[in-house]
C-alpha cells in the first residue's frame, strides 16, 4: 500500500511539473481577457420631456468582453452590455439636423436605462446608489442608505417623482401589494436615505393610481382606463381633472409634464393641455404634427 501511495504521489508531482512548464512556455496560465467598445451607438430611447417642445433621449455604446481560460479544461466566455451613456435634448416640434444638446459619460461601463426625476434632472441606478444627471451639467453619484418603516419586502424602484415635504416618491410595483410588503418609498436627497413604507390612512386612496406625484401640498393621481374611457387625474382624492384623450392604456408624469398615450401634456391651473404633436409610441424618435408633417429626430 505504501508503495502504491508513493507511486501515486510521484505521478501527481510529475503532472504538476508538466503543467507548470506548459504555463511558462505559453502565457503563464492566466486568463486572457479582451475588452472592446463598439464604434457606434444603439438607437436612442425617450427618457422624458422638459417642456412642450423639448424631449430628452438616451443611448449607449455597446461593449464586449471575452475571456479565454487556460486550465485542464480550456474555456471561453463572453459578456456584453453597454456604457458611456449619452443624453440628448431635441426640439420635437421642428425638423433639425441634430440635438440641441448632448453629452456622454466616459467612465461608466454599465447602466444605460435613464428615468426622469424633475423637469431637467434624470437618474439611473449605479449599482446600489443613484446616478443623477442634470441637463447641461455633469452626472454625479448619490450614495443611498436604505431603511424599512412598517414593512419588510422592499419593491423594485423604477419611477421617482416629486413628493410632499420636498421629498421624492419612489415607485415600483402596485400600491395594492398586501401583507407586510412595502408599497412605495420616499427618497430624501439631502440625507441620501430611501425609506420603504406602506400607505397610511391619509394616502390609502392612491392605491388605485397608475402614477402619482405632488405639486407643493397637492397630490395628483393618474388613473388610466383603456376600456371604458374614464381616464383622468384625481387631485387630493376629491377633485377630478379629465384627460383630453379618454381611452388610455399608457401614461406617466414626466417632471412637470405628462405623457398621455402618444401626447405630451401639461397640467396648468388644474387643466390638462396637450401638444398638437404626437409620437409613434414605443419610444421611437419620430413625431407627427396635426397637419401631417413628420419630424424625425436626427442623432
Foldseek 3Di string as FASTA:
>chain_A
DVVVVVVVVVVVVVVVVVVCVVCVVPPNQDKDKDKDWDPDKDAWFWAFALDQFKTKTKIWIKMKMWIWGDDPDTDIDMDMDTAQMKMFMDGLPDADQAGPDMHTDDPDGDWTDWHFEASFKIWTDPPPWIWIDGPPDHIDIQDADEDEDQADAEADFDDWYAAEPRWIKTAHDALPDDDRYFNTWIADSVVRYIYTHHDDPQPPLLRQAPEWHDDYPKIKGWHAAQDPQQTWIDISNPDTEGDPGRRFDDKYDHRQWIDTHFWIWGQDPNYIDTDQKGAPDPRAQWIAGPVGDIHHHHD
